[in-house]
Each structure stands twice: as structure tokens, then as C-alpha cells.
Amino acid sequence: MEVTTPNLRQTVRKILRCKALVRMESGEIVTGRTLDISVGGLCLVLENSLPEKLLCEVRLDFFLDGKSTRIQSKTRVVSCICTNHTYRVGLQFLVIDPKQVDVISRIL
């Protein structure tokens, strides 16, 4: 019997692979990699889990149209799933500059 779970995503996502820095409210910084992004949030792969509802700041650095680009936003952890000894962490953007939303829209 196959079990399916509903897709709770509210916006279209696009694959984006780049380095991510996550800063906790405590000041601790963890690094990971992105899987995908949307105007509402992103999915990261991290070596350690993060608790749901944790508030943190995420920073992404990547190239878009040949230019170095940065997205930085306050986020909330909305999911954390263990897969193959790593964690897929879903983050929801809470505060993001409209110019950065435009950058994300260009990716999509």
C-alpha cells in the first residue's frame, strides 16, 4: 500500500544549488546547501536537525546571469526530515526585501 502526503507548498519552487549559511538567534552558524527555492521559502540540506518553529536568518550566495548574488532573510523552520544521514529543512521567509523577491522570481 502506497502512502502519500499532501504537498503543503503554496508557491512554485525551482531547483537551486548553492551554499547556505544559517544563523540561529543564539549566534551559532551552521552551513548547508540549498535544494530548491520559491518566493515563500526554501529547502536546505544540513548535517544536523533544526527544531520546527525555530527562528533564524539564512544567507545564500550564488551567481545569477553571471553576477554574484546574495539573498538574506529572516526565516522560520517549518519542517525537518531525516534522509540518508542528513536533514532536509524547510524554511519559510518571514522578512525579505522586495528586491530579493525579484531575484527569486527571476530564478523561477
Protein backbone atom coordinates (compact mmCIF):
# COMPACT_ATOMS: atom_id res chain seq x y z
CA MET A 1 0.00 0.00 0.00
CA GLU A 2 1.41 3.38 -1.00
CA VAL A 3 1.05 6.30 1.39
CA THR A 4 1.13 9.83 0.04
CA THR A 5 1.36 13.04 1.96
CA PRO A 6 -0.16 16.32 0.80
CA ASN A 7 2.09 18.93 -0.74
CA LEU A 8 1.69 21.89 1.61
CA ARG A 9 3.76 24.25 -0.51
CA GLN A 10 1.86 27.34 -1.55
CA THR A 11 4.21 28.59 -4.27
CA VAL A 12 6.15 27.13 -7.20
CA ARG A 13 9.70 26.02 -6.40
CA LYS A 14 12.77 25.83 -8.59
CA ILE A 15 15.93 23.82 -8.07
CA LEU A 16 18.74 26.00 -6.76
CA ARG A 17 22.02 24.50 -5.59
CA CYS A 18 24.28 26.80 -3.60
CA LYS A 19 25.95 27.19 -0.22
CA ALA A 20 23.75 28.42 2.62
CA LEU A 21 24.62 29.93 6.00
CA VAL A 22 22.05 29.73 8.77
CA ARG A 23 22.44 31.93 11.85
CA MET A 24 20.45 30.98 14.93
CA GLU A 25 19.16 33.51 17.44
CA SER A 26 21.98 32.30 19.75
CA GLY A 27 24.53 33.45 17.14
CA GLU A 28 25.53 29.90 16.20
CA ILE A 29 26.11 29.49 12.46
CA VAL A 30 25.59 26.26 10.54
CA THR A 31 26.31 25.69 6.87
CA GLY A 32 24.43 23.64 4.36
CA ARG A 33 23.30 23.51 0.75
CA THR A 34 20.06 24.52 -0.89
CA LEU A 35 17.80 22.09 -2.73
CA ASP A 36 15.16 24.48 -4.01
CA ILE A 37 13.67 27.93 -3.52
CA SER A 38 10.41 29.83 -4.00
CA VAL A 39 9.19 33.32 -3.14
CA GLY A 40 7.79 31.80 0.07
CA GLY A 41 10.80 29.83 1.29
CA LEU A 42 13.46 27.23 0.57
CA CYS A 43 14.67 23.75 1.39
CA LEU A 44 18.17 23.14 2.76
CA VAL A 45 20.24 20.04 3.36
CA LEU A 46 22.01 20.20 6.73
CA GLU A 47 24.08 17.74 8.75
CA ASN A 48 22.04 18.39 11.92
CA SER A 49 18.36 18.80 12.56
CA LEU A 50 16.68 22.09 13.44
CA PRO A 51 13.54 22.23 15.57
CA GLU A 52 10.31 23.32 13.94
CA LYS A 53 9.32 26.94 14.59
CA LEU A 54 12.96 27.93 15.20
CA LEU A 55 13.61 31.50 14.03
CA CYS A 56 16.87 32.02 12.16
CA GLU A 57 18.46 34.07 9.41
CA VAL A 58 19.57 32.46 6.16
CA ARG A 59 22.09 33.76 3.65
CA LEU A 60 22.58 32.38 0.14
CA ASP A 61 25.39 33.36 -2.23
CA PHE A 62 25.20 32.29 -5.88
CA PHE A 63 25.66 33.50 -9.45
CA LEU A 64 22.70 34.69 -11.49
CA ASP A 65 23.20 35.93 -15.06
CA GLY A 66 26.96 35.94 -14.44
CA LYS A 67 26.72 38.20 -11.38
CA SER A 68 27.37 37.37 -7.75
CA THR A 69 24.02 37.48 -5.97
CA ARG A 70 23.04 37.30 -2.31
CA ILE A 71 19.70 36.55 -0.69
CA GLN A 72 19.39 37.13 3.03
CA SER A 73 16.20 36.76 5.05
CA LYS A 74 14.74 36.04 8.45
CA THR A 75 13.10 32.63 8.34
CA ARG A 76 11.19 30.07 10.38
CA VAL A 77 11.78 26.31 10.29
CA VAL A 78 8.56 24.68 9.06
CA SER A 79 9.81 21.11 8.57
CA CYS A 80 12.80 18.88 9.23
CA ILE A 81 13.07 15.38 7.76
CA CYS A 82 15.95 12.92 8.17
CA THR A 83 17.12 11.36 4.88
CA ASN A 84 20.33 9.41 4.30
CA HIS A 85 22.15 10.76 7.39
CA THR A 86 21.32 14.38 6.56
CA TYR A 87 18.31 16.59 7.22
CA ARG A 88 16.05 18.34 4.73
CA VAL A 89 14.99 21.53 6.44
CA GLY A 90 12.11 23.61 5.10
CA LEU A 91 12.34 27.32 5.84
CA GLN A 92 9.66 29.95 5.36
CA PHE A 93 10.74 33.51 4.56
CA LEU A 94 9.42 35.91 7.20
CA VAL A 95 11.04 39.20 6.25
CA ILE A 96 12.51 39.57 2.78
CA ASP A 97 13.37 42.67 0.80
CA PRO A 98 11.24 43.20 -2.34
CA LYS A 99 14.43 43.39 -4.44
CA GLN A 100 15.34 39.91 -3.25
CA VAL A 101 11.85 38.67 -4.13
CA ASP A 102 12.53 39.98 -7.64
CA VAL A 103 15.78 37.97 -7.74
CA ILE A 104 13.91 34.82 -6.67
CA SER A 105 11.24 35.49 -9.30
CA ARG A 106 13.99 35.64 -11.95
CA ILE A 107 15.20 32.21 -10.84
CA LEU A 108 11.70 30.79 -11.19
